Structure formats: structure tokens, C-alpha cells
Amino acid sequence: MNHLTTRLGPSVGRVCARGTRAVTEWNARMLAEASDGTRRGTRWGRGALALVPSALAVGVLGTALAQGALAANFSVTGQPFTLTSNGVEGSGFGAIVNTPAVGRPDGTTTTNTAMARVGFASAGLAGLCGIVHQTIAGVPYSLLLTGGQKVTAAPPGTFTTDIDASNLYIQATELQAYGPTTLQNAVLGQSADQVTVAGKPLTGALPGGFGLGSAGGEGGSSITLHGLNATAYDAEMAGALVLPDLKIRVVAGSATAC
């Protein structure tokens, strides 16, 4: 037994020594890999997405809207909402006065309200803020929809657009700019039924009605608005809408700014 122990002793020592060196080398490799910034190991985030398909579907929908893969329409039955932006640059511009059917909470409609329907074949917005006021059980709430840069109460003197939209239409009882407005190739007083945006007449146009059209052919007119503020019943993006940093939230009270 002693002889066997004597013979095994050096072997066991060598194995232990090699094991110690292996552990030391492995530890050194792990430290070196951890310090190079490369991500390794199980991707728990990816696994979590597989467990919540409904959340993934919502995320894909939001991404599609933000990347302009979906058309969008914002309206509130029988109730106006506020749309503001630091500025708008649009081409293929047209506008008419019409009396659209406005839904009431009881399900009926009325056509007693004259509104301006404004269309852009292509438009760029410097941020977007939409505010809808609601009352639930007598308590006021506000739904805020924002995208792009922050819209300020006092519009900047100059602006850079960061939201792209095609075939943008706004139905509003009031639409105003807080700074200079530049119109090019526009015809003031054109018959409403002759005004076209993206090759199509504006909804509700009547022959002889007021219209603001283009003198430069289809798409030849353009407009620049500094500080858009609209009291709208409908905002429609019939084409692509690229809306970065989309956020929708509900706050207590009657909000006046995003």
C-alpha cells in the first residue's frame, strides 16, 4: 500500500497542479473576455419576447406606424381636438370650405358647422402635439399624442422638420400660424371643386365654393407655416406617416400643452 501511495503521489500532484493552472487560465480568459465589451451568454431579453407574443405584436404595430408603414386617422366623435406643431412645410397644397358630417355622442350627425379642409400632397412637420379632452364620471382627463421634437408654446423663429407625411388632410374649424406664412403659386378664390391635392378633389368641395388652389399645376403650390395651431375634428394621413418617438399618454385635468 505504501508502495502504491508512493507511486500515485507524484501523479496526483501533477494532476492537481495542472488543474490549478487550468482554473487559473480559465479565470484569466473570462476576465479578459468580460473586459473587451463583447456581450456573451444567454440573451434573456430575446427569450422574454418569445413568452409575450401580445406585447411583441403591439411593439411591431408601433414600429410600423413610426416607420410610415401604416396610414393613420385621428378623430373624436362629435368633439374637436387640438393639433399643434412648431412649423409645417407642405407642397401640393390646397384648401376649401365645406360642411362635413360631424358625429354626435348619441350616434346622429350634423352638417351645421362650416370648416376648412386643408390638404398637403407632401408635408414636413416640426414636431406634433395632439390633445383630446375627455370627461369620465365628471372628472376631466387629457389624452396627449406626441411625436418628433418637443412642440413649444412659443414657436421658434426658424424650424427644422422631423416628421414626414404624404397625403395629409386636416378638417378644422380654426387653423392659424403664429409667425410668417409663405404661399407660393397659390390661387386664392379658386372654385372649390377645381382644387386638387395629390390629383384628387378635396372631400366636400362644391362648385363655386371657396377654394385655395395652385397656379403651378398639380403639386406646384407650397406653403410654410411657422407655429401651427388647429382646432380640428379630423386629421388624416392617407399616405405614409413617419412619426419618430411616438408617445401616447393620459393625464388628469385639461392639458393645454404637451
C-alpha atoms as a PDB file:
ATOM      1  CA  MET A   1       0.000   0.000   0.000  1.00  0.00           C
ATOM      2  CA  ASN A   2       2.811   2.360   0.858  1.00  0.00           C
ATOM      3  CA  HIS A   3       4.498   1.484  -2.405  1.00  0.00           C
ATOM      4  CA  LEU A   4       1.255   2.266  -4.312  1.00  0.00           C
ATOM      5  CA  THR A   5       0.858   5.510  -2.436  1.00  0.00           C
ATOM      6  CA  THR A   6       4.400   6.440  -3.241  1.00  0.00           C
ATOM      7  CA  ARG A   7       3.830   5.798  -6.922  1.00  0.00           C
ATOM      8  CA  LEU A   8       0.488   7.657  -7.049  1.00  0.00           C
ATOM      9  CA  GLY A   9       1.598  10.644  -5.033  1.00  0.00           C
ATOM     10  CA  PRO A  10       3.562  12.408  -7.795  1.00  0.00           C
ATOM     11  CA  SER A  11       0.782  11.685 -10.338  1.00  0.00           C
ATOM     12  CA  VAL A  12      -1.885  13.153  -8.106  1.00  0.00           C
ATOM     13  CA  GLY A  13       0.349  16.174  -7.513  1.00  0.00           C
ATOM     14  CA  ARG A  14       0.812  16.684 -11.227  1.00  0.00           C
ATOM     15  CA  VAL A  15      -2.949  16.400 -11.836  1.00  0.00           C
ATOM     16  CA  CYS A  16      -3.666  18.904  -9.065  1.00  0.00           C
ATOM     17  CA  ALA A  17      -1.041  21.266 -10.428  1.00  0.00           C
ATOM     18  CA  ARG A  18      -2.455  21.003 -13.942  1.00  0.00           C
ATOM     19  CA  GLY A  19      -5.987  21.519 -12.564  1.00  0.00           C
ATOM     20  CA  THR A  20      -4.915  24.621 -10.687  1.00  0.00           C
ATOM     21  CA  ARG A  21      -3.215  26.026 -13.763  1.00  0.00           C
ATOM     22  CA  ALA A  22      -6.316  25.247 -15.871  1.00  0.00           C
ATOM     23  CA  VAL A  23      -8.616  27.034 -13.447  1.00  0.00           C
ATOM     24  CA  THR A  24      -6.242  29.992 -13.309  1.00  0.00           C
ATOM     25  CA  GLU A  25      -6.040  30.157 -17.112  1.00  0.00           C
ATOM     26  CA  TRP A  26      -9.828  29.834 -17.466  1.00  0.00           C
ATOM     27  CA  ASN A  27     -10.373  32.621 -14.947  1.00  0.00           C
ATOM     28  CA  ALA A  28      -7.905  34.850 -16.804  1.00  0.00           C
ATOM     29  CA  ARG A  29      -9.723  34.194 -20.097  1.00  0.00           C
ATOM     30  CA  MET A  30     -13.114  35.046 -18.564  1.00  0.00           C
ATOM     31  CA  LEU A  31     -11.743  38.299 -17.145  1.00  0.00           C
ATOM     32  CA  ALA A  32     -10.201  39.215 -20.496  1.00  0.00           C
ATOM     33  CA  GLU A  33     -13.458  38.468 -22.365  1.00  0.00           C
ATOM     34  CA  ALA A  34     -15.501  40.418 -19.852  1.00  0.00           C
ATOM     35  CA  SER A  35     -13.288  43.464 -20.308  1.00  0.00           C
ATOM     36  CA  ASP A  36     -13.480  43.587 -24.133  1.00  0.00           C
ATOM     37  CA  GLY A  37     -17.125  44.750 -24.160  1.00  0.00           C
ATOM     38  CA  THR A  38     -18.438  41.789 -26.183  1.00  0.00           C
ATOM     39  CA  ARG A  39     -21.818  40.507 -24.977  1.00  0.00           C
ATOM     40  CA  ARG A  40     -21.854  36.729 -24.249  1.00  0.00           C
ATOM     41  CA  GLY A  41     -24.117  34.269 -22.532  1.00  0.00           C
ATOM     42  CA  THR A  42     -27.888  33.760 -22.686  1.00  0.00           C
ATOM     43  CA  ARG A  43     -29.923  36.602 -24.239  1.00  0.00           C
ATOM     44  CA  TRP A  44     -32.707  36.749 -21.664  1.00  0.00           C
ATOM     45  CA  GLY A  45     -34.360  39.690 -23.420  1.00  0.00           C
ATOM     46  CA  ARG A  46     -34.885  37.619 -26.551  1.00  0.00           C
ATOM     47  CA  GLY A  47     -36.308  34.776 -24.529  1.00  0.00           C
ATOM     48  CA  ALA A  48     -38.714  37.102 -22.764  1.00  0.00           C
ATOM     49  CA  LEU A  49     -40.127  38.334 -26.079  1.00  0.00           C
ATOM     50  CA  ALA A  50     -40.964  34.776 -27.033  1.00  0.00           C
ATOM     51  CA  LEU A  51     -43.035  34.484 -23.847  1.00  0.00           C
ATOM     52  CA  VAL A  52     -45.142  37.611 -24.513  1.00  0.00           C
ATOM     53  CA  PRO A  53     -46.382  37.470 -28.135  1.00  0.00           C
ATOM     54  CA  SER A  54     -49.107  40.034 -27.493  1.00  0.00           C
ATOM     55  CA  ALA A  55     -46.580  42.606 -26.303  1.00  0.00           C
ATOM     56  CA  LEU A  56     -44.402  41.810 -29.320  1.00  0.00           C
ATOM     57  CA  ALA A  57     -47.376  42.390 -31.649  1.00  0.00           C
ATOM     58  CA  VAL A  58     -48.033  45.788 -30.070  1.00  0.00           C
ATOM     59  CA  GLY A  59     -44.368  46.686 -30.457  1.00  0.00           C
ATOM     60  CA  VAL A  60     -44.381  45.717 -34.140  1.00  0.00           C
ATOM     61  CA  LEU A  61     -47.523  47.799 -34.701  1.00  0.00           C
ATOM     62  CA  GLY A  62     -45.945  50.835 -33.041  1.00  0.00           C
ATOM     63  CA  THR A  63     -42.767  50.395 -35.049  1.00  0.00           C
ATOM     64  CA  ALA A  64     -44.720  50.104 -38.300  1.00  0.00           C
ATOM     65  CA  LEU A  65     -46.600  53.326 -37.559  1.00  0.00           C
ATOM     66  CA  ALA A  66     -43.405  55.151 -36.615  1.00  0.00           C
ATOM     67  CA  GLN A  67     -41.686  53.985 -39.818  1.00  0.00           C
ATOM     68  CA  GLY A  68     -44.543  55.081 -42.056  1.00  0.00           C
ATOM     69  CA  ALA A  69     -45.810  51.595 -42.893  1.00  0.00           C
ATOM     70  CA  LEU A  70     -49.382  52.448 -41.884  1.00  0.00           C
ATOM     71  CA  ALA A  71     -51.842  55.190 -42.730  1.00  0.00           C
ATOM     72  CA  ALA A  72     -53.339  56.935 -39.720  1.00  0.00           C
ATOM     73  CA  ASN A  73     -56.535  58.783 -38.900  1.00  0.00           C
ATOM     74  CA  PHE A  74     -57.220  60.719 -35.715  1.00  0.00           C
ATOM     75  CA  SER A  75     -60.786  61.779 -34.885  1.00  0.00           C
ATOM     76  CA  VAL A  76     -63.067  62.047 -31.866  1.00  0.00           C
ATOM     77  CA  THR A  77     -66.812  61.654 -32.365  1.00  0.00           C
ATOM     78  CA  GLY A  78     -68.568  64.992 -32.037  1.00  0.00           C
ATOM     79  CA  GLN A  79     -65.651  66.664 -30.306  1.00  0.00           C
ATOM     80  CA  PRO A  80     -62.790  68.828 -31.584  1.00  0.00           C
ATOM     81  CA  PHE A  81     -59.189  68.313 -30.548  1.00  0.00           C
ATOM     82  CA  THR A  82     -56.072  70.450 -30.730  1.00  0.00           C
ATOM     83  CA  LEU A  83     -53.146  69.888 -33.094  1.00  0.00           C
ATOM     84  CA  THR A  84     -50.016  71.996 -32.741  1.00  0.00           C
ATOM     85  CA  SER A  85     -46.568  71.988 -34.331  1.00  0.00           C
ATOM     86  CA  ASN A  86     -43.507  74.229 -34.326  1.00  0.00           C
ATOM     87  CA  GLY A  87     -43.923  74.567 -38.079  1.00  0.00           C
ATOM     88  CA  VAL A  88     -45.179  72.964 -41.287  1.00  0.00           C
ATOM     89  CA  GLU A  89     -43.705  72.857 -44.779  1.00  0.00           C
ATOM     90  CA  GLY A  90     -46.036  71.469 -47.415  1.00  0.00           C
ATOM     91  CA  SER A  91     -46.204  71.107 -51.195  1.00  0.00           C
ATOM     92  CA  GLY A  92     -49.171  70.290 -53.400  1.00  0.00           C
ATOM     93  CA  PHE A  93     -51.219  72.456 -51.042  1.00  0.00           C
ATOM     94  CA  GLY A  94     -54.955  73.064 -51.289  1.00  0.00           C
ATOM     95  CA  ALA A  95     -57.846  74.210 -49.073  1.00  0.00           C
ATOM     96  CA  ILE A  96     -61.622  74.552 -49.285  1.00  0.00           C
ATOM     97  CA  VAL A  97     -64.562  75.446 -47.044  1.00  0.00           C
ATOM     98  CA  ASN A  98     -67.104  72.663 -46.530  1.00  0.00           C
ATOM     99  CA  THR A  99     -69.735  71.446 -44.064  1.00  0.00           C
ATOM    100  CA  PRO A 100     -68.789  67.860 -43.221  1.00  0.00           C
ATOM    101  CA  ALA A 101     -70.964  65.457 -41.292  1.00  0.00           C
ATOM    102  CA  VAL A 102     -69.936  65.606 -37.651  1.00  0.00           C
ATOM    103  CA  GLY A 103     -70.873  62.708 -35.403  1.00  0.00           C
ATOM    104  CA  ARG A 104     -72.686  63.279 -32.138  1.00  0.00           C
ATOM    105  CA  PRO A 105     -72.334  61.185 -28.975  1.00  0.00           C
ATOM    106  CA  ASP A 106     -75.885  59.843 -29.500  1.00  0.00           C
ATOM    107  CA  GLY A 107     -74.925  58.411 -32.890  1.00  0.00           C
ATOM    108  CA  THR A 108     -76.585  61.070 -35.058  1.00  0.00           C
ATOM    109  CA  THR A 109     -74.728  63.525 -37.284  1.00  0.00           C
ATOM    110  CA  THR A 110     -74.951  67.211 -38.098  1.00  0.00           C
ATOM    111  CA  THR A 111     -73.739  69.298 -41.048  1.00  0.00           C
ATOM    112  CA  ASN A 112     -74.303  72.701 -39.483  1.00  0.00           C
ATOM    113  CA  THR A 113     -70.653  73.572 -38.914  1.00  0.00           C
ATOM    114  CA  ALA A 114     -68.576  75.191 -41.658  1.00  0.00           C
ATOM    115  CA  MET A 115     -64.948  74.070 -41.629  1.00  0.00           C
ATOM    116  CA  ALA A 116     -61.767  74.373 -43.622  1.00  0.00           C
ATOM    117  CA  ARG A 117     -60.394  71.201 -45.185  1.00  0.00           C
ATOM    118  CA  VAL A 118     -56.676  71.618 -45.802  1.00  0.00           C
ATOM    119  CA  GLY A 119     -54.600  69.102 -47.729  1.00  0.00           C
ATOM    120  CA  PHE A 120     -50.910  68.555 -48.489  1.00  0.00           C
ATOM    121  CA  ALA A 121     -49.645  66.113 -51.105  1.00  0.00           C
ATOM    122  CA  SER A 122     -46.423  66.092 -49.091  1.00  0.00           C
ATOM    123  CA  ALA A 123     -45.693  67.698 -45.751  1.00  0.00           C
ATOM    124  CA  GLY A 124     -42.981  68.017 -43.153  1.00  0.00           C
ATOM    125  CA  LEU A 125     -43.815  68.882 -39.557  1.00  0.00           C
ATOM    126  CA  ALA A 126     -41.528  70.216 -36.847  1.00  0.00           C
ATOM    127  CA  GLY A 127     -42.867  68.032 -34.061  1.00  0.00           C
ATOM    128  CA  LEU A 128     -46.515  67.143 -33.419  1.00  0.00           C
ATOM    129  CA  CYS A 129     -48.716  67.565 -30.353  1.00  0.00           C
ATOM    130  CA  GLY A 130     -52.317  66.337 -30.280  1.00  0.00           C
ATOM    131  CA  ILE A 131     -54.570  66.972 -27.273  1.00  0.00           C
ATOM    132  CA  VAL A 132     -58.003  65.421 -26.709  1.00  0.00           C
ATOM    133  CA  HIS A 133     -60.079  66.413 -23.680  1.00  0.00           C
ATOM    134  CA  GLN A 134     -62.394  63.836 -22.132  1.00  0.00           C
ATOM    135  CA  THR A 135     -64.563  63.677 -19.022  1.00  0.00           C
ATOM    136  CA  ILE A 136     -65.020  60.374 -17.206  1.00  0.00           C
ATOM    137  CA  ALA A 137     -67.516  60.283 -14.329  1.00  0.00           C
ATOM    138  CA  GLY A 138     -67.318  64.052 -14.119  1.00  0.00           C
ATOM    139  CA  VAL A 139     -63.521  64.067 -13.878  1.00  0.00           C
ATOM    140  CA  PRO A 140     -61.568  65.770 -16.714  1.00  0.00           C
ATOM    141  CA  TYR A 141     -58.705  63.941 -18.401  1.00  0.00           C
ATOM    142  CA  SER A 142     -56.488  64.700 -21.385  1.00  0.00           C
ATOM    143  CA  LEU A 143     -55.044  62.292 -23.920  1.00  0.00           C
ATOM    144  CA  LEU A 144     -51.717  63.537 -25.292  1.00  0.00           C
ATOM    145  CA  LEU A 145     -50.202  62.253 -28.526  1.00  0.00           C
ATOM    146  CA  THR A 146     -46.714  63.474 -29.362  1.00  0.00           C
ATOM    147  CA  GLY A 147     -44.096  62.707 -31.966  1.00  0.00           C
ATOM    148  CA  GLY A 148     -40.791  64.163 -33.074  1.00  0.00           C
ATOM    149  CA  GLN A 149     -39.287  67.217 -31.425  1.00  0.00           C
ATOM    150  CA  LYS A 150     -40.956  68.907 -28.447  1.00  0.00           C
ATOM    151  CA  VAL A 151     -43.585  71.423 -29.507  1.00  0.00           C
ATOM    152  CA  THR A 152     -43.086  74.692 -27.642  1.00  0.00           C
ATOM    153  CA  ALA A 153     -45.744  77.191 -26.521  1.00  0.00           C
ATOM    154  CA  ALA A 154     -43.880  79.993 -28.317  1.00  0.00           C
ATOM    155  CA  PRO A 155     -42.876  78.682 -31.770  1.00  0.00           C
ATOM    156  CA  PRO A 156     -39.198  79.192 -32.715  1.00  0.00           C
ATOM    157  CA  GLY A 157     -38.235  81.792 -35.295  1.00  0.00           C
ATOM    158  CA  THR A 158     -36.823  79.062 -37.519  1.00  0.00           C
ATOM    159  CA  PHE A 159     -37.586  75.377 -37.531  1.00  0.00           C
ATOM    160  CA  THR A 160     -36.403  72.083 -38.970  1.00  0.00           C
ATOM    161  CA  THR A 161     -38.977  69.410 -39.786  1.00  0.00           C
ATOM    162  CA  ASP A 162     -38.538  65.907 -38.393  1.00  0.00           C
ATOM    163  CA  ILE A 163     -41.892  64.281 -39.264  1.00  0.00           C
ATOM    164  CA  ASP A 164     -42.664  63.301 -42.856  1.00  0.00           C
ATOM    165  CA  ALA A 165     -46.213  62.770 -44.103  1.00  0.00           C
ATOM    166  CA  SER A 166     -47.798  62.288 -47.514  1.00  0.00           C
ATOM    167  CA  ASN A 167     -51.458  62.970 -48.327  1.00  0.00           C
ATOM    168  CA  LEU A 168     -52.017  64.851 -45.073  1.00  0.00           C
ATOM    169  CA  TYR A 169     -55.510  66.306 -44.525  1.00  0.00           C
ATOM    170  CA  ILE A 170     -56.847  68.370 -41.639  1.00  0.00           C
ATOM    171  CA  GLN A 171     -60.531  69.219 -41.098  1.00  0.00           C
ATOM    172  CA  ALA A 172     -60.647  72.204 -38.762  1.00  0.00           C
ATOM    173  CA  THR A 173     -62.867  74.995 -37.511  1.00  0.00           C
ATOM    174  CA  GLU A 174     -59.781  77.099 -36.872  1.00  0.00           C
ATOM    175  CA  LEU A 175     -56.235  76.902 -38.199  1.00  0.00           C
ATOM    176  CA  GLN A 176     -53.650  79.565 -37.535  1.00  0.00           C
ATOM    177  CA  ALA A 177     -49.922  80.247 -37.585  1.00  0.00           C
ATOM    178  CA  TYR A 178     -48.056  82.352 -35.024  1.00  0.00           C
ATOM    179  CA  GLY A 179     -45.331  83.528 -37.351  1.00  0.00           C
ATOM    180  CA  PRO A 180     -44.923  84.434 -41.032  1.00  0.00           C
ATOM    181  CA  THR A 181     -46.763  82.287 -43.578  1.00  0.00           C
ATOM    182  CA  THR A 182     -45.297  81.876 -47.066  1.00  0.00           C
ATOM    183  CA  LEU A 183     -47.512  80.827 -50.005  1.00  0.00           C
ATOM    184  CA  GLN A 184     -46.101  80.135 -53.463  1.00  0.00           C
ATOM    185  CA  ASN A 185     -48.032  79.524 -56.697  1.00  0.00           C
ATOM    186  CA  ALA A 186     -51.339  79.746 -54.847  1.00  0.00           C
ATOM    187  CA  VAL A 187     -54.676  80.909 -56.266  1.00  0.00           C
ATOM    188  CA  LEU A 188     -56.953  82.497 -53.675  1.00  0.00           C
ATOM    189  CA  GLY A 189     -60.632  82.136 -54.530  1.00  0.00           C
ATOM    190  CA  GLN A 190     -60.397  79.201 -56.935  1.00  0.00           C
ATOM    191  CA  SER A 191     -63.639  77.219 -57.254  1.00  0.00           C
ATOM    192  CA  ALA A 192     -63.578  74.535 -54.576  1.00  0.00           C
ATOM    193  CA  ASP A 193     -64.334  71.714 -56.997  1.00  0.00           C
ATOM    194  CA  GLN A 194     -61.231  72.657 -59.026  1.00  0.00           C
ATOM    195  CA  VAL A 195     -58.851  72.342 -56.072  1.00  0.00           C
ATOM    196  CA  THR A 196     -56.970  69.056 -56.067  1.00  0.00           C
ATOM    197  CA  VAL A 197     -54.396  67.509 -53.740  1.00  0.00           C
ATOM    198  CA  ALA A 198     -52.340  64.565 -54.995  1.00  0.00           C
ATOM    199  CA  GLY A 199     -54.574  64.525 -58.094  1.00  0.00           C
ATOM    200  CA  LYS A 200     -57.853  64.249 -56.187  1.00  0.00           C
ATOM    201  CA  PRO A 201     -60.517  66.851 -55.250  1.00  0.00           C
ATOM    202  CA  LEU A 202     -60.954  67.618 -51.569  1.00  0.00           C
ATOM    203  CA  THR A 203     -63.883  65.927 -49.828  1.00  0.00           C
ATOM    204  CA  GLY A 204     -66.990  68.101 -49.618  1.00  0.00           C
ATOM    205  CA  ALA A 205     -65.960  70.520 -52.383  1.00  0.00           C
ATOM    206  CA  LEU A 206     -68.864  72.279 -54.117  1.00  0.00           C
ATOM    207  CA  PRO A 207     -68.779  74.137 -57.459  1.00  0.00           C
ATOM    208  CA  GLY A 208     -68.443  77.837 -56.818  1.00  0.00           C
ATOM    209  CA  GLY A 209     -67.389  77.319 -53.201  1.00  0.00           C
ATOM    210  CA  PHE A 210     -64.291  78.987 -51.784  1.00  0.00           C
ATOM    211  CA  GLY A 211     -61.032  77.299 -52.613  1.00  0.00           C
ATOM    212  CA  LEU A 212     -57.315  77.918 -52.324  1.00  0.00           C
ATOM    213  CA  GLY A 213     -55.544  76.081 -55.114  1.00  0.00           C
ATOM    214  CA  SER A 214     -52.379  76.031 -57.180  1.00  0.00           C
ATOM    215  CA  ALA A 215     -51.324  78.191 -60.094  1.00  0.00           C
ATOM    216  CA  GLY A 216     -48.348  75.991 -60.838  1.00  0.00           C
ATOM    217  CA  GLY A 217     -50.158  72.843 -61.889  1.00  0.00           C
ATOM    218  CA  GLU A 218     -50.640  69.740 -59.765  1.00  0.00           C
ATOM    219  CA  GLY A 219     -48.327  69.917 -56.783  1.00  0.00           C
ATOM    220  CA  GLY A 220     -46.999  73.306 -57.829  1.00  0.00           C
ATOM    221  CA  SER A 221     -48.156  75.221 -54.763  1.00  0.00           C
ATOM    222  CA  SER A 222     -46.294  75.263 -51.477  1.00  0.00           C
ATOM    223  CA  ILE A 223     -46.783  76.720 -48.022  1.00  0.00           C
ATOM    224  CA  THR A 224     -44.639  77.326 -44.950  1.00  0.00           C
ATOM    225  CA  LEU A 225     -46.373  77.870 -41.612  1.00  0.00           C
ATOM    226  CA  HIS A 226     -44.497  78.974 -38.511  1.00  0.00           C
ATOM    227  CA  GLY A 227     -46.208  77.631 -35.404  1.00  0.00           C
ATOM    228  CA  LEU A 228     -49.318  75.674 -36.431  1.00  0.00           C
ATOM    229  CA  ASN A 229     -52.315  75.624 -34.075  1.00  0.00           C
ATOM    230  CA  ALA A 230     -55.515  73.925 -35.277  1.00  0.00           C
ATOM    231  CA  THR A 231     -58.855  73.152 -33.654  1.00  0.00           C
ATOM    232  CA  ALA A 232     -59.620  70.036 -35.664  1.00  0.00           C
ATOM    233  CA  TYR A 233     -62.325  67.414 -35.997  1.00  0.00           C
ATOM    234  CA  ASP A 234     -60.252  65.113 -38.163  1.00  0.00           C
ATOM    235  CA  ALA A 235     -56.606  64.641 -39.077  1.00  0.00           C
ATOM    236  CA  GLU A 236     -55.925  62.081 -41.763  1.00  0.00           C
ATOM    237  CA  MET A 237     -52.612  60.794 -43.074  1.00  0.00           C
ATOM    238  CA  ALA A 238     -53.820  58.845 -46.099  1.00  0.00           C
ATOM    239  CA  GLY A 239     -50.285  58.080 -47.246  1.00  0.00           C
ATOM    240  CA  ALA A 240     -47.111  57.309 -45.358  1.00  0.00           C
ATOM    241  CA  LEU A 241     -46.510  58.790 -41.932  1.00  0.00           C
ATOM    242  CA  VAL A 242     -43.037  58.765 -40.419  1.00  0.00           C
ATOM    243  CA  LEU A 243     -43.550  59.670 -36.772  1.00  0.00           C
ATOM    244  CA  PRO A 244     -40.381  59.328 -34.637  1.00  0.00           C
ATOM    245  CA  ASP A 245     -40.621  58.912 -30.869  1.00  0.00           C
ATOM    246  CA  LEU A 246     -44.385  58.312 -30.803  1.00  0.00           C
ATOM    247  CA  LYS A 247     -45.835  58.696 -27.305  1.00  0.00           C
ATOM    248  CA  ILE A 248     -49.452  58.396 -26.118  1.00  0.00           C
ATOM    249  CA  ARG A 249     -50.322  59.179 -22.513  1.00  0.00           C
ATOM    250  CA  VAL A 250     -53.282  60.195 -20.362  1.00  0.00           C
ATOM    251  CA  VAL A 251     -53.019  62.904 -17.713  1.00  0.00           C
ATOM    252  CA  ALA A 252     -55.511  64.293 -15.208  1.00  0.00           C
ATOM    253  CA  GLY A 253     -57.058  67.693 -15.904  1.00  0.00           C
ATOM    254  CA  SER A 254     -57.499  69.734 -19.079  1.00  0.00           C
ATOM    255  CA  ALA A 255     -53.989  69.958 -20.545  1.00  0.00           C
ATOM    256  CA  THR A 256     -53.180  72.855 -22.860  1.00  0.00           C
ATOM    257  CA  ALA A 257     -49.678  71.762 -23.923  1.00  0.00           C
ATOM    258  CA  CYS A 258     -47.779  68.520 -24.429  1.00  0.00           C
END
